[in-house]
Amino acid sequence: MAASDSKAGGAAPHGHLVLPAVRVREALAFAAGAVAAVLVLLFSSSALAPTPVPNIVSIPTTSSSHASAATPSSPSPSAAVGKGPRTFYDDPSLSYSVHDRVTGWDAKRAAWLRTRGLDPNSAAVTTRVVMVTGSQPEPCKGPGGDHALLRFLKNKLDYCRLHGVELLYNTAHLEPSMVAYWAKIPAVRAAMLAHPEAEWVWWVDADAVFTDMDFSLPLGLYASHDLVVYGWEGEVYEERSWVGLNAGVFLLRNCQWAMDLMDAWARMGPGWPEYKAWGKKMREELEGKPDEESDDQSALVYLLAKEPARWGNRTYLEREYYFQGYWAEIVGRLDGVAARYEAVERRGANRALRRRHAEREHLLYAAARDEAVKRGGVPGPAGGGQKGWRRPFVTHFTGCQPCGGAPDRKYTARRCAEGIRRALAFADDQVLRSYGFRHAAPLSDSVAPLPFDYPAAR
């Protein structure tokens, strides 16, 4: 269900248009893969029957989530179940379906939080993030596709463990009519209801790789916004380009505004009778759209451009770093990025960074490494970008279709496979370091032990 519905890559200064050559390349890259992307890493486009029980795996990130057996002196868990104050969950009209609206969500969520002893405005709530991703319920058609999905999942598990983010991995059709890239909307909406304790729900396509394990979401930057998505203000609001943003990765606040947005967005999808009419309207009104298909990304561009006061004012189009980055612009530079980070750590002034430490101290060392990299003259923003040599936060393999088996015509299967392996190994080295190992080479699956005082000692 997590698809490569990425249709915008590249980078440009926040709020400005990118260079024409870059945008043409990105538009061509997406146009070439738009049809194939429907089949990859998302729910199958066939209307399959929903599974009796949604196959959702929730990965807890704190030790407090581990259940312990009740002692003779402690009350039985069954004594507490169902005894608390009534909340929105007790309303029989509540529905998880995208076809039924949820109203009064801000008040309902705040009331639920208070019944659990949580202050809605506390940092414990406002910084809590749930990541949602997933894949189709059936096996991949392409050879090695399921293994690729496993490695993509492992990468997300690593990032979430290091940053205290909870991960929901979905492989069920929560709404069979919402096929292909539209499948994300029912999953995200259900996650909002299932996790009222989370301020943010973070959708990440299955084929997106976290290539900077140090970088944390700058949530404070988004305090006055409810949706964060990678895109260009000029292209969305002025040009109304169908590739003006990328809907493969987005951050959504758990609030009524977001519920309303999901309702409006979903109604443009295949689960509603207006689906074909929306496709024609998008073809007429969005710059460069080559077909009459109503896709999720074009639909979001349309909503923002047509109703900026309602939707655009609460949306942050992130361009300062690789909130999601186009893989073809990134993977060839990863070796150079790694070399510059190692050079910074080899300096005597940064010797403390080379000290071995427990994985639970990762964020402390990540912050210190960020300071050292800035002082060391490595150019570029934290989280990476087209310019500079900082680690890219997210590398998105749009068009490679590892689950479907055949990449877009623009790419060869070998180029995609090597790019994916290189990005995964680059990220994995950052994780393996806490365990005393790293990959033997950028394209090697074998690992080698790290010498003491690495990278000064090699």
Protein backbone atom coordinates (compact mmCIF):
# COMPACT_ATOMS: atom_id res chain seq x y z
CA MET A 1 0.00 0.00 0.00
CA ALA A 2 2.91 2.30 0.30
CA ALA A 3 3.62 3.36 -3.08
CA SER A 4 5.97 5.20 -5.11
CA ASP A 5 3.50 7.91 -5.94
CA SER A 6 6.32 10.39 -5.88
CA LYS A 7 5.90 12.81 -8.70
CA ALA A 8 8.19 15.60 -7.67
CA GLY A 9 11.87 15.37 -6.86
CA GLY A 10 14.77 17.76 -6.87
CA ALA A 11 15.25 20.80 -4.70
CA ALA A 12 15.07 24.57 -4.81
CA PRO A 13 15.05 27.41 -2.26
CA HIS A 14 11.91 27.37 -0.11
CA GLY A 15 9.09 29.26 -1.76
CA HIS A 16 10.81 29.71 -5.11
CA LEU A 17 10.60 27.96 -8.43
CA VAL A 18 13.30 25.49 -9.35
CA LEU A 19 15.42 25.87 -12.45
CA PRO A 20 13.46 24.96 -15.58
CA ALA A 21 15.85 22.15 -16.49
CA VAL A 22 15.35 20.49 -13.14
CA ARG A 23 11.58 20.74 -13.27
CA VAL A 24 11.46 19.43 -16.83
CA ARG A 25 13.55 16.45 -15.74
CA GLU A 26 11.27 15.82 -12.78
CA ALA A 27 8.12 16.16 -14.84
CA LEU A 28 9.47 13.71 -17.40
CA ALA A 29 10.54 11.33 -14.65
CA PHE A 30 7.08 11.29 -13.18
CA ALA A 31 5.20 11.25 -16.44
CA ALA A 32 7.21 8.22 -17.54
CA GLY A 33 6.36 6.37 -14.36
CA ALA A 34 2.82 7.51 -13.60
CA VAL A 35 1.16 4.43 -15.04
CA ALA A 36 3.64 1.93 -13.63
CA ALA A 37 3.58 3.57 -10.21
CA VAL A 38 -0.02 2.52 -9.81
CA LEU A 39 1.10 -1.10 -9.59
CA VAL A 40 4.06 -0.77 -7.27
CA LEU A 41 4.30 -1.14 -3.52
CA LEU A 42 0.72 0.02 -3.10
CA PHE A 43 -2.46 -1.90 -2.86
CA SER A 44 -3.27 -3.83 -5.96
CA SER A 45 -5.54 -1.96 -8.37
CA SER A 46 -7.97 -4.86 -8.42
CA ALA A 47 -10.92 -4.65 -6.04
CA LEU A 48 -9.96 -7.31 -3.55
CA ALA A 49 -12.17 -8.18 -0.63
CA PRO A 50 -11.07 -6.64 2.66
CA THR A 51 -9.41 -8.93 5.15
CA PRO A 52 -11.56 -9.81 8.20
CA VAL A 53 -9.00 -8.26 10.54
CA PRO A 54 -6.73 -5.42 9.33
CA ASN A 55 -3.19 -6.72 9.19
CA ILE A 56 -1.52 -3.87 11.03
CA VAL A 57 1.68 -4.21 12.98
CA SER A 58 2.34 -1.58 15.63
CA ILE A 59 5.92 -1.37 16.85
CA PRO A 60 6.23 0.16 20.34
CA THR A 61 9.29 2.25 21.01
CA THR A 62 9.48 2.46 24.80
CA SER A 63 10.04 -0.09 27.50
CA SER A 64 6.85 1.06 29.21
CA SER A 65 4.89 -0.68 26.46
CA HIS A 66 6.00 -4.11 27.65
CA ALA A 67 3.27 -5.79 29.67
CA SER A 68 4.17 -7.21 33.03
CA ALA A 69 2.32 -9.83 34.97
CA ALA A 70 0.10 -8.56 37.76
CA THR A 71 1.40 -9.23 41.25
CA PRO A 72 -0.92 -10.51 43.98
CA SER A 73 -1.02 -7.02 45.51
CA SER A 74 -1.83 -5.22 42.24
CA PRO A 75 -5.35 -4.97 40.80
CA SER A 76 -6.30 -7.34 38.03
CA PRO A 77 -6.17 -5.74 34.55
CA SER A 78 -9.70 -6.97 33.92
CA ALA A 79 -10.91 -4.84 36.82
CA ALA A 80 -9.85 -1.67 34.99
CA VAL A 81 -11.04 -2.56 31.50
CA GLY A 82 -14.16 -0.65 30.57
CA LYS A 83 -14.34 1.21 33.88
CA GLY A 84 -12.91 4.56 32.76
CA PRO A 85 -14.86 7.64 31.66
CA ARG A 86 -16.81 7.35 28.43
CA THR A 87 -15.06 8.81 25.40
CA PHE A 88 -15.62 9.10 21.65
CA TYR A 89 -14.82 5.39 21.35
CA ASP A 90 -18.12 4.63 23.15
CA ASP A 91 -20.16 6.41 20.48
CA PRO A 92 -21.77 3.69 18.29
CA SER A 93 -21.94 6.11 15.36
CA LEU A 94 -18.15 6.48 15.23
CA SER A 95 -16.82 5.02 11.99
CA TYR A 96 -13.31 4.35 10.77
CA SER A 97 -14.53 4.37 7.17
CA VAL A 98 -13.43 7.16 4.85
CA HIS A 99 -17.05 7.37 3.72
CA ASP A 100 -18.22 8.67 7.10
CA ARG A 101 -17.26 12.08 8.45
CA VAL A 102 -15.85 12.70 11.90
CA THR A 103 -16.89 15.98 13.51
CA GLY A 104 -15.83 17.71 16.71
CA TRP A 105 -12.56 15.80 16.62
CA ASP A 106 -10.47 18.42 18.42
CA ALA A 107 -12.77 18.40 21.47
CA LYS A 108 -13.19 14.62 21.42
CA ARG A 109 -9.46 14.03 21.22
CA ALA A 110 -8.69 16.57 23.97
CA ALA A 111 -11.28 14.96 26.25
CA TRP A 112 -9.79 11.51 25.65
CA LEU A 113 -6.32 12.80 26.50
CA ARG A 114 -7.51 14.34 29.77
CA THR A 115 -9.23 11.12 30.84
CA ARG A 116 -5.82 9.48 30.49
CA GLY A 117 -4.11 12.18 32.55
CA LEU A 118 -2.48 13.82 29.54
CA ASP A 119 -2.33 17.55 28.87
CA PRO A 120 -3.12 18.17 25.17
CA ASN A 121 -0.62 21.05 25.17
CA SER A 122 2.22 19.19 26.88
CA ALA A 123 5.40 18.22 25.06
CA ALA A 124 4.59 14.57 25.73
CA VAL A 125 1.62 14.97 23.38
CA THR A 126 2.65 17.70 20.93
CA THR A 127 5.89 15.93 19.95
CA ARG A 128 4.44 12.44 19.64
CA VAL A 129 4.59 11.07 16.09
CA VAL A 130 3.15 7.90 14.55
CA MET A 131 4.61 6.86 11.20
CA VAL A 132 2.31 5.01 8.80
CA THR A 133 3.58 3.00 5.87
CA GLY A 134 2.87 -0.40 4.34
CA SER A 135 2.63 -2.57 1.27
CA GLN A 136 0.16 -4.64 -0.71
CA PRO A 137 -1.32 -7.77 0.94
CA GLU A 138 -0.29 -10.14 -1.86
CA PRO A 139 3.32 -11.17 -2.66
CA CYS A 140 5.35 -9.01 -5.02
CA LYS A 141 5.36 -9.95 -8.68
CA GLY A 142 8.97 -9.04 -9.27
CA PRO A 143 11.82 -11.33 -8.18
CA GLY A 144 13.35 -10.07 -4.97
CA GLY A 145 10.52 -7.62 -4.43
CA ASP A 146 9.47 -9.00 -1.06
CA HIS A 147 13.08 -8.93 0.12
CA ALA A 148 13.29 -5.29 -0.98
CA LEU A 149 10.17 -4.49 1.04
CA LEU A 150 11.72 -6.21 4.05
CA ARG A 151 14.84 -4.07 3.79
CA PHE A 152 12.79 -0.91 3.32
CA LEU A 153 10.84 -1.85 6.45
CA LYS A 154 14.04 -2.56 8.39
CA ASN A 155 15.28 0.91 7.49
CA LYS A 156 12.12 2.52 8.87
CA LEU A 157 12.23 0.39 12.01
CA ASP A 158 15.79 1.58 12.63
CA TYR A 159 14.87 5.23 12.23
CA CYS A 160 11.78 4.94 14.42
CA ARG A 161 13.67 3.10 17.17
CA LEU A 162 16.38 5.75 17.26
CA HIS A 163 13.92 8.67 17.32
CA GLY A 164 11.12 7.35 19.52
CA VAL A 165 8.59 7.26 16.69
CA GLU A 166 5.91 4.58 16.68
CA LEU A 167 5.54 2.67 13.41
CA LEU A 168 2.33 1.31 11.91
CA TYR A 169 2.90 -1.00 8.94
CA ASN A 170 -0.30 -1.79 7.09
CA THR A 171 -0.85 -4.56 4.54
CA ALA A 172 -4.66 -4.54 4.47
CA HIS A 173 -7.21 -2.95 2.14
CA LEU A 174 -8.99 -0.74 4.65
CA GLU A 175 -11.19 0.51 1.80
CA PRO A 176 -11.11 -1.80 -1.26
CA SER A 177 -12.35 0.89 -3.63
CA MET A 178 -9.44 3.18 -2.77
CA VAL A 179 -6.84 1.43 -4.89
CA ALA A 180 -3.23 2.13 -5.79
CA TYR A 181 -1.84 5.38 -4.42
CA TRP A 182 -5.26 6.28 -2.95
CA ALA A 183 -4.88 3.48 -0.39
CA LYS A 184 -2.84 5.71 1.92
CA ILE A 185 -5.82 7.90 2.82
CA PRO A 186 -7.91 5.22 4.61
CA ALA A 187 -4.81 4.04 6.47
CA VAL A 188 -3.80 7.52 7.63
CA ARG A 189 -7.32 8.42 8.65
CA ALA A 190 -7.75 5.21 10.65
CA ALA A 191 -4.42 5.85 12.36
CA MET A 192 -5.63 9.29 13.48
CA LEU A 193 -8.60 7.71 15.23
CA ALA A 194 -6.60 4.82 16.66
CA HIS A 195 -3.89 7.10 18.04
CA PRO A 196 -5.46 10.15 19.71
CA GLU A 197 -2.31 10.34 21.86
CA ALA A 198 -0.27 11.27 18.76
CA GLU A 199 -0.11 14.88 17.59
CA TRP A 200 1.27 13.95 14.17
CA VAL A 201 0.67 11.14 11.70
CA TRP A 202 3.54 10.75 9.25
CA TRP A 203 2.93 8.95 5.97
CA VAL A 204 6.06 7.52 4.27
CA ASP A 205 5.94 5.49 1.05
CA ALA A 206 7.40 2.00 1.29
CA ASP A 207 10.13 2.78 -1.25
CA ALA A 208 11.42 5.82 0.65
CA VAL A 209 14.69 5.30 2.56
CA PHE A 210 15.88 7.25 5.59
CA THR A 211 19.45 8.10 4.62
CA ASP A 212 20.18 10.40 7.57
CA MET A 213 19.60 8.55 10.82
CA ASP A 214 20.67 11.64 12.80
CA PHE A 215 18.06 14.08 11.49
CA SER A 216 14.95 14.74 13.57
CA LEU A 217 11.79 16.36 12.26
CA PRO A 218 11.86 20.12 13.07
CA LEU A 219 8.37 20.02 14.59
CA GLY A 220 8.74 23.48 16.11
CA LEU A 221 9.00 24.90 12.60
CA TYR A 222 5.54 23.55 11.81
CA ALA A 223 3.78 24.85 14.93
CA SER A 224 1.33 27.00 12.95
CA HIS A 225 0.67 24.43 10.21
CA ASP A 226 -1.28 21.19 10.01
CA LEU A 227 0.14 19.61 6.83
CA VAL A 228 3.77 19.38 5.76
CA VAL A 229 4.55 18.18 2.24
CA TYR A 230 7.51 18.52 -0.10
CA GLY A 231 6.77 21.05 -2.83
CA TRP A 232 7.16 24.45 -4.46
CA GLU A 233 4.85 27.35 -3.60
CA GLY A 234 5.12 28.97 -7.03
CA GLU A 235 4.33 25.77 -8.85
CA VAL A 236 1.35 24.91 -6.66
CA TYR A 237 -0.31 28.29 -6.18
CA GLU A 238 0.74 30.16 -9.32
CA GLU A 239 1.43 27.62 -12.05
CA ARG A 240 -0.86 24.95 -10.61
CA SER A 241 1.52 22.28 -11.83
CA TRP A 242 0.47 18.69 -11.31
CA VAL A 243 4.02 17.96 -10.15
CA GLY A 244 4.16 20.99 -7.88
CA LEU A 245 4.43 18.82 -4.77
CA ASN A 246 5.15 15.22 -3.77
CA ALA A 247 2.49 13.26 -1.89
CA GLY A 248 4.71 10.25 -1.19
CA VAL A 249 5.79 11.64 2.18
CA PHE A 250 3.67 13.97 4.30
CA LEU A 251 3.18 14.96 7.92
CA LEU A 252 -0.39 15.57 9.12
CA ARG A 253 -1.50 17.00 12.45
CA ASN A 254 -4.12 14.93 14.25
CA CYS A 255 -6.88 17.56 14.24
CA GLN A 256 -10.30 18.39 12.79
CA TRP A 257 -8.75 20.42 9.95
CA ALA A 258 -6.84 17.33 8.89
CA MET A 259 -9.98 15.18 9.13
CA ASP A 260 -11.78 17.65 6.86
CA LEU A 261 -8.86 17.65 4.42
CA MET A 262 -8.85 13.85 4.28
CA ASP A 263 -12.60 13.90 3.57
CA ALA A 264 -12.23 16.40 0.72
CA TRP A 265 -9.18 14.58 -0.65
CA ALA A 266 -10.78 11.13 -0.50
CA ARG A 267 -13.87 12.31 -2.40
CA MET A 268 -11.68 12.88 -5.45
CA GLY A 269 -10.64 9.22 -5.41
CA PRO A 270 -12.05 6.01 -6.95
CA GLY A 271 -14.36 5.32 -4.01
CA TRP A 272 -16.75 8.09 -5.09
CA PRO A 273 -18.93 8.49 -8.20
CA GLU A 274 -17.31 11.86 -9.07
CA TYR A 275 -13.94 10.17 -9.64
CA LYS A 276 -13.92 10.37 -13.45
CA ALA A 277 -15.27 13.90 -13.43
CA TRP A 278 -12.46 14.97 -11.13
CA GLY A 279 -9.94 13.45 -13.54
CA LYS A 280 -11.26 15.56 -16.41
CA LYS A 281 -11.28 18.70 -14.28
CA MET A 282 -7.68 18.13 -13.20
CA ARG A 283 -6.61 17.62 -16.81
CA GLU A 284 -8.22 20.93 -17.72
CA GLU A 285 -6.96 23.02 -14.81
CA LEU A 286 -3.56 21.62 -13.80
CA GLU A 287 -0.51 22.62 -15.82
CA GLY A 288 1.10 19.80 -17.76
CA LYS A 289 -1.19 16.97 -16.64
CA PRO A 290 -1.09 14.47 -19.53
CA ASP A 291 -4.16 12.34 -18.72
CA GLU A 292 -7.64 12.41 -17.22
CA GLU A 293 -6.82 10.20 -14.26
CA SER A 294 -7.61 11.58 -10.82
CA ASP A 295 -4.47 10.71 -8.85
CA ASP A 296 -3.85 11.56 -5.22
CA GLN A 297 -1.03 14.01 -5.87
CA SER A 298 -2.84 16.02 -8.53
CA ALA A 299 -5.89 16.06 -6.25
CA LEU A 300 -3.87 17.59 -3.41
CA VAL A 301 -2.40 20.23 -5.74
CA TYR A 302 -5.91 21.05 -6.93
CA LEU A 303 -7.27 21.46 -3.40
CA LEU A 304 -4.44 23.74 -2.31
CA ALA A 305 -4.52 25.85 -5.48
CA LYS A 306 -8.31 26.22 -5.68
CA GLU A 307 -8.91 26.94 -1.99
CA PRO A 308 -5.71 28.46 -0.61
CA ALA A 309 -7.52 30.22 2.23
CA ARG A 310 -9.02 26.96 3.46
CA TRP A 311 -6.24 24.48 2.75
CA GLY A 312 -3.13 26.35 1.67
CA ASN A 313 -2.85 28.58 4.73
CA ARG A 314 -2.41 25.54 6.98
CA THR A 315 0.01 23.75 4.63
CA TYR A 316 3.79 24.03 4.81
CA LEU A 317 5.55 23.27 1.53
CA GLU A 318 8.96 22.12 2.77
CA ARG A 319 11.92 22.93 0.54
CA GLU A 320 14.72 23.66 2.98
CA TYR A 321 15.86 20.04 3.19
CA TYR A 322 15.16 16.65 1.62
CA PHE A 323 11.85 15.93 3.35
CA GLN A 324 11.82 13.54 0.46
CA GLY A 325 14.50 13.53 -2.21
CA TYR A 326 14.58 12.23 -5.76
CA TRP A 327 16.89 9.19 -5.69
CA ALA A 328 18.46 9.76 -9.12
CA GLU A 329 19.90 13.04 -7.86
CA ILE A 330 21.18 11.53 -4.60
CA VAL A 331 22.65 8.04 -4.79
CA GLY A 332 25.63 8.98 -6.94
CA ARG A 333 26.74 11.47 -4.29
CA LEU A 334 26.44 9.29 -1.19
CA ASP A 335 30.08 8.16 -1.22
CA GLY A 336 31.18 11.79 -1.28
CA VAL A 337 28.83 12.62 1.59
CA ALA A 338 30.19 9.76 3.69
CA ALA A 339 33.79 10.81 2.98
CA ARG A 340 33.15 14.35 4.21
CA TYR A 341 31.51 13.19 7.43
CA GLU A 342 34.40 10.84 8.15
CA ALA A 343 36.90 13.62 7.48
CA VAL A 344 35.19 15.79 10.08
CA GLU A 345 35.30 13.03 12.69
CA ARG A 346 38.98 12.29 12.05
CA ARG A 347 39.94 15.74 13.26
CA GLY A 348 41.41 15.85 16.73
CA ALA A 349 38.89 18.43 17.94
CA ASN A 350 36.08 15.96 17.27
CA ARG A 351 37.62 12.95 18.94
CA ALA A 352 34.69 12.69 21.39
CA LEU A 353 32.43 11.75 18.47
CA ARG A 354 34.54 8.65 17.89
CA ARG A 355 33.97 7.31 21.37
CA ARG A 356 31.99 4.10 21.46
CA HIS A 357 28.57 4.51 23.04
CA ALA A 358 25.25 2.76 23.56
CA GLU A 359 22.63 3.06 20.87
CA ARG A 360 20.25 4.78 23.28
CA GLU A 361 22.65 7.75 23.27
CA HIS A 362 22.33 8.12 19.50
CA LEU A 363 20.46 11.43 19.53
CA LEU A 364 23.02 13.02 21.85
CA TYR A 365 25.83 12.09 19.49
CA ALA A 366 23.69 13.06 16.48
CA ALA A 367 23.32 16.61 17.80
CA ALA A 368 27.06 16.86 18.50
CA ARG A 369 27.87 15.49 15.04
CA ASP A 370 25.58 18.09 13.46
CA GLU A 371 27.49 20.86 15.24
CA ALA A 372 30.85 19.38 14.20
CA VAL A 373 29.77 19.06 10.56
CA LYS A 374 28.67 22.70 10.52
CA ARG A 375 31.95 23.84 12.08
CA GLY A 376 33.84 21.56 9.75
CA GLY A 377 32.64 23.41 6.71
CA VAL A 378 30.49 20.69 5.13
CA PRO A 379 28.10 22.82 3.04
CA GLY A 380 24.38 22.39 2.75
CA PRO A 381 21.39 22.32 5.10
CA ALA A 382 20.84 19.69 7.78
CA GLY A 383 18.73 17.04 6.08
CA GLY A 384 20.48 17.60 2.77
CA GLY A 385 19.61 19.31 -0.48
CA GLN A 386 20.68 19.60 -4.12
CA LYS A 387 23.51 21.87 -3.06
CA GLY A 388 26.05 20.86 -0.46
CA TRP A 389 27.22 17.58 1.02
CA ARG A 390 24.97 16.99 4.01
CA ARG A 391 23.27 13.63 4.39
CA PRO A 392 19.89 13.56 2.61
CA PHE A 393 17.10 12.92 5.08
CA VAL A 394 14.85 10.80 2.83
CA THR A 395 15.80 9.23 -0.50
CA HIS A 396 12.70 8.24 -2.46
CA PHE A 397 12.96 5.57 -5.17
CA THR A 398 10.07 6.72 -7.27
CA GLY A 399 9.80 4.89 -10.58
CA CYS A 400 11.96 1.91 -9.59
CA GLN A 401 9.04 -0.39 -8.80
CA PRO A 402 11.00 -3.09 -6.90
CA CYS A 403 7.80 -4.91 -5.95
CA GLY A 404 6.23 -4.75 -9.41
CA GLY A 405 9.40 -6.02 -11.05
CA ALA A 406 9.88 -3.52 -13.87
CA PRO A 407 11.05 0.07 -13.42
CA ASP A 408 9.96 3.04 -15.49
CA ARG A 409 11.41 3.15 -18.99
CA LYS A 410 13.58 6.02 -17.87
CA TYR A 411 15.63 3.69 -15.64
CA THR A 412 17.23 0.30 -15.97
CA ALA A 413 16.55 -2.43 -13.43
CA ARG A 414 20.26 -2.54 -12.61
CA ARG A 415 20.48 1.19 -11.96
CA CYS A 416 17.50 1.04 -9.60
CA ALA A 417 18.75 -2.07 -7.81
CA GLU A 418 22.21 -0.64 -7.25
CA GLY A 419 20.76 2.68 -6.14
CA ILE A 420 18.53 0.99 -3.59
CA ARG A 421 21.36 -1.17 -2.24
CA ARG A 422 23.68 1.81 -2.00
CA ALA A 423 21.14 3.95 -0.12
CA LEU A 424 20.19 1.15 2.27
CA ALA A 425 23.83 0.34 3.03
CA PHE A 426 24.61 4.04 3.54
CA ALA A 427 21.82 4.25 6.11
CA ASP A 428 22.63 0.88 7.65
CA ASP A 429 26.24 1.87 8.31
CA GLN A 430 24.97 4.64 10.56
CA VAL A 431 23.01 2.06 12.57
CA LEU A 432 25.61 -0.73 12.57
CA ARG A 433 28.21 1.61 14.03
CA SER A 434 26.65 1.22 17.49
CA TYR A 435 27.15 -2.52 17.12
CA GLY A 436 30.77 -2.28 16.01
CA PHE A 437 30.35 -3.00 12.29
CA ARG A 438 29.85 -1.42 8.88
CA HIS A 439 29.35 -2.69 5.33
CA ALA A 440 32.50 -3.96 3.66
CA ALA A 441 31.75 -1.81 0.58
CA PRO A 442 28.93 0.48 -0.64
CA LEU A 443 27.31 -2.33 -2.67
CA SER A 444 28.24 -5.21 -0.36
CA ASP A 445 25.84 -7.07 1.89
CA SER A 446 28.75 -8.30 3.99
CA VAL A 447 29.91 -6.37 7.04
CA ALA A 448 33.30 -5.86 8.65
CA PRO A 449 34.21 -4.97 12.25
CA LEU A 450 35.13 -1.37 12.98
CA PRO A 451 38.54 -0.66 14.51
CA PHE A 452 38.79 1.20 17.81
CA ASP A 453 38.77 5.00 17.30
CA TYR A 454 37.05 4.71 13.92
CA PRO A 455 37.21 6.62 11.55
CA ALA A 456 40.61 7.94 12.70
CA ALA A 457 41.86 4.35 12.68
CA ARG A 458 40.99 2.56 9.44
